[in-house]
């Protein structure tokens, strides 16, 4: 019981210090394992769900950029998927796994945010995200994030509050996992 109280105090201290600066973005943790598999997101303009693991196989459905679906299995560059939350009602099929990201972490802007061609603020800006934009993070490179931009990618510079927020999300995950082990 004392360990739980100590962890609760530690967690509240972390959250208190995380609010010291105004946060310009929010890094949302991955959803984790779902009831029927892992969550996946389409990274290209359109992605065909096929009946079998072949580009020449019959098309079952077309998914679009940002659509989410459940991935059950992966095999030889193809991912087996459900295209509905209801396994009985949803169609199943295969998608080329080069065009999806499984279990992504998300970036949500709290202000207008520039996206750069590479990890340098002097590089060309390829986009200006409006407030509330949510994008999947492809890779975290320390002070920089690589995000998906409708079939392309770009770099977002994390300011000090963004980095603090990401560390808080990671620490909360570690504490949550640790408290589960204690129980």
Protein backbone atom coordinates (compact mmCIF):
# COMPACT_ATOMS: atom_id res chain seq x y z
CA UNK A 1 0.00 0.00 0.00
CA UNK A 2 2.85 2.41 0.83
CA UNK A 3 4.38 1.77 -2.61
CA UNK A 4 1.11 2.81 -4.29
CA UNK A 5 0.94 6.02 -2.26
CA UNK A 6 4.58 6.80 -3.08
CA UNK A 7 3.94 6.20 -6.80
CA UNK A 8 0.83 8.42 -6.72
CA UNK A 9 2.83 11.24 -5.08
CA UNK A 10 5.65 10.85 -7.61
CA UNK A 11 3.19 10.89 -10.51
CA UNK A 12 1.45 14.04 -9.23
CA UNK A 13 4.86 15.77 -8.83
CA UNK A 14 5.80 14.89 -12.41
CA UNK A 15 2.48 16.19 -13.74
CA UNK A 16 2.83 19.39 -11.66
CA UNK A 17 6.29 20.14 -13.06
CA UNK A 18 5.15 19.28 -16.59
CA UNK A 19 2.73 22.23 -16.47
CA UNK A 20 5.43 24.81 -15.64
CA UNK A 21 5.71 26.04 -19.25
CA UNK A 22 2.86 26.43 -21.70
CA UNK A 23 2.74 23.38 -23.92
CA UNK A 24 2.69 24.01 -27.67
CA UNK A 25 1.93 20.44 -28.67
CA UNK A 26 0.88 17.18 -27.18
CA UNK A 27 2.54 13.84 -27.81
CA UNK A 28 -0.07 11.12 -27.44
CA UNK A 29 1.07 7.60 -26.60
CA UNK A 30 0.26 4.65 -28.83
CA UNK A 31 -3.05 2.92 -28.20
CA UNK A 32 -1.45 -0.46 -27.56
CA UNK A 33 -2.93 -3.84 -28.22
CA UNK A 34 -6.62 -3.85 -28.99
CA UNK A 35 -9.24 -6.57 -28.73
CA UNK A 36 -8.63 -7.90 -32.23
CA UNK A 37 -5.07 -6.76 -32.90
CA UNK A 38 -2.87 -3.71 -33.11
CA UNK A 39 -4.07 -0.36 -34.45
CA UNK A 40 -2.61 0.63 -37.81
CA UNK A 41 -2.84 3.88 -39.78
CA UNK A 42 -2.72 4.40 -43.56
CA UNK A 43 0.22 6.64 -44.58
CA UNK A 44 -0.52 7.04 -48.31
CA UNK A 45 -3.40 8.71 -50.20
CA UNK A 46 -5.20 5.42 -50.82
CA UNK A 47 -4.44 1.82 -49.94
CA UNK A 48 -6.17 -1.21 -51.41
CA UNK A 49 -7.20 -4.03 -49.10
CA UNK A 50 -6.80 -7.25 -51.07
CA UNK A 51 -8.30 -10.70 -50.65
CA UNK A 52 -4.87 -12.40 -50.59
CA UNK A 53 -1.20 -11.39 -50.19
CA UNK A 54 -0.68 -10.34 -53.78
CA UNK A 55 -0.90 -7.09 -55.72
CA UNK A 56 -2.87 -8.96 -58.38
CA UNK A 57 -5.40 -10.34 -55.87
CA UNK A 58 -9.02 -9.12 -55.93
CA UNK A 59 -9.55 -5.72 -54.24
CA UNK A 60 -11.85 -5.89 -51.20
CA UNK A 61 -11.88 -2.28 -50.07
CA UNK A 62 -9.95 1.00 -50.38
CA UNK A 63 -8.64 2.81 -47.31
CA UNK A 64 -7.50 6.45 -47.31
CA UNK A 65 -4.81 8.49 -45.60
CA UNK A 66 -5.36 8.56 -41.84
CA UNK A 67 -7.85 5.68 -41.76
CA UNK A 68 -7.29 3.36 -38.83
CA UNK A 69 -7.87 -0.37 -38.76
CA UNK A 70 -6.76 -3.43 -36.81
CA UNK A 71 -3.79 -5.53 -37.88
CA UNK A 72 -3.92 -9.14 -36.85
CA UNK A 73 -0.76 -10.57 -38.40
CA UNK A 74 2.11 -9.73 -40.73
CA UNK A 75 3.63 -11.98 -43.35
CA UNK A 76 6.17 -11.34 -46.12
CA UNK A 77 5.50 -7.58 -46.50
CA UNK A 78 1.73 -7.93 -46.11
CA UNK A 79 -0.46 -7.27 -43.05
CA UNK A 80 -3.67 -9.17 -42.34
CA UNK A 81 -6.31 -6.68 -41.26
CA UNK A 82 -9.86 -6.07 -40.11
CA UNK A 83 -11.46 -2.94 -41.54
CA UNK A 84 -14.16 -2.64 -38.86
CA UNK A 85 -14.22 -2.79 -35.06
CA UNK A 86 -16.80 -5.56 -35.32
CA UNK A 87 -14.88 -8.63 -36.48
CA UNK A 88 -18.08 -10.36 -37.63
CA UNK A 89 -19.31 -7.37 -39.67
CA UNK A 90 -15.97 -6.05 -40.89
CA UNK A 91 -14.15 -7.17 -43.96
CA UNK A 92 -10.81 -8.85 -43.64
CA UNK A 93 -8.00 -8.75 -46.10
CA UNK A 94 -4.36 -7.96 -46.70
CA UNK A 95 -2.57 -4.62 -47.18
CA UNK A 96 0.98 -3.87 -48.25
CA UNK A 97 2.75 -3.12 -44.95
CA UNK A 98 5.05 -0.53 -46.58
CA UNK A 99 2.16 1.96 -46.54
CA UNK A 100 1.03 1.67 -42.92
CA UNK A 101 2.37 2.31 -39.46
CA UNK A 102 1.35 -0.02 -36.66
CA UNK A 103 0.67 1.31 -33.16
CA UNK A 104 1.91 4.86 -33.79
CA UNK A 105 2.51 7.64 -31.28
CA UNK A 106 0.65 10.82 -32.30
CA UNK A 107 1.60 14.51 -32.40
CA UNK A 108 -1.16 17.10 -31.81
CA UNK A 109 -0.41 20.79 -32.29
CA UNK A 110 -1.67 23.40 -29.84
CA UNK A 111 -0.56 26.25 -32.11
CA UNK A 112 0.51 26.83 -35.74
CA UNK A 113 3.54 24.56 -36.25
CA UNK A 114 6.02 24.62 -39.16
CA UNK A 115 7.17 21.37 -40.76
CA UNK A 116 10.65 21.39 -42.31
CA UNK A 117 12.21 19.45 -45.20
CA UNK A 118 14.93 18.14 -42.86
CA UNK A 119 16.12 18.56 -39.28
CA UNK A 120 17.28 22.17 -39.51
CA UNK A 121 15.14 25.25 -38.84
CA UNK A 122 16.92 26.96 -41.75
CA UNK A 123 15.73 24.25 -44.18
CA UNK A 124 12.70 24.88 -46.41
CA UNK A 125 9.30 24.68 -44.73
CA UNK A 126 7.14 22.05 -46.39
CA UNK A 127 3.96 22.70 -44.39
CA UNK A 128 2.43 24.87 -41.71
CA UNK A 129 0.15 22.84 -39.46
CA UNK A 130 -2.86 24.56 -37.97
CA UNK A 131 -3.85 24.31 -34.33
CA UNK A 132 -5.30 20.90 -33.43
CA UNK A 133 -3.66 18.97 -36.29
CA UNK A 134 -2.97 15.35 -35.32
CA UNK A 135 -0.31 13.37 -37.22
CA UNK A 136 1.34 9.98 -36.64
CA UNK A 137 4.98 10.17 -35.56
CA UNK A 138 7.21 8.06 -37.77
CA UNK A 139 10.36 8.53 -35.68
CA UNK A 140 11.56 10.52 -32.68
CA UNK A 141 15.04 11.96 -33.27
CA UNK A 142 15.67 13.72 -29.94
CA UNK A 143 14.91 17.39 -30.59
CA UNK A 144 13.12 16.52 -33.84
CA UNK A 145 10.13 14.40 -34.84
CA UNK A 146 9.56 12.90 -38.27
CA UNK A 147 5.82 12.97 -39.00
CA UNK A 148 3.65 11.61 -41.79
CA UNK A 149 2.27 14.17 -44.25
CA UNK A 150 -0.19 12.43 -46.60
CA UNK A 151 2.28 10.13 -48.34
CA UNK A 152 5.37 12.20 -47.53
CA UNK A 153 7.18 13.08 -44.33
CA UNK A 154 8.53 16.17 -42.63
CA UNK A 155 10.48 17.28 -39.56
CA UNK A 156 9.00 19.12 -36.58
CA UNK A 157 11.28 20.81 -34.07
CA UNK A 158 10.31 19.99 -30.49
CA UNK A 159 10.60 23.02 -28.23
CA UNK A 160 11.49 22.58 -24.54
CA UNK A 161 7.88 22.07 -23.43
CA UNK A 162 7.29 19.44 -26.15
CA UNK A 163 10.35 17.50 -24.98
CA UNK A 164 9.18 17.75 -21.37
CA UNK A 165 5.72 16.51 -22.37
CA UNK A 166 7.21 13.52 -24.25
CA UNK A 167 9.36 12.63 -21.24
CA UNK A 168 6.28 12.88 -19.01
CA UNK A 169 4.31 10.50 -21.26
CA UNK A 170 7.23 8.04 -21.19
CA UNK A 171 7.62 8.34 -17.40
CA UNK A 172 3.89 7.89 -16.82
CA UNK A 173 4.05 4.72 -18.94
CA UNK A 174 6.97 3.41 -16.89
CA UNK A 175 5.23 4.19 -13.60
CA UNK A 176 1.99 2.63 -14.81
CA UNK A 177 3.82 -0.52 -15.91
CA UNK A 178 5.74 -0.59 -12.63
CA UNK A 179 2.61 -0.17 -10.49
CA UNK A 180 0.97 -3.04 -12.35
CA UNK A 181 3.93 -5.26 -11.46
CA UNK A 182 3.73 -4.25 -7.79
CA UNK A 183 0.08 -5.30 -7.53
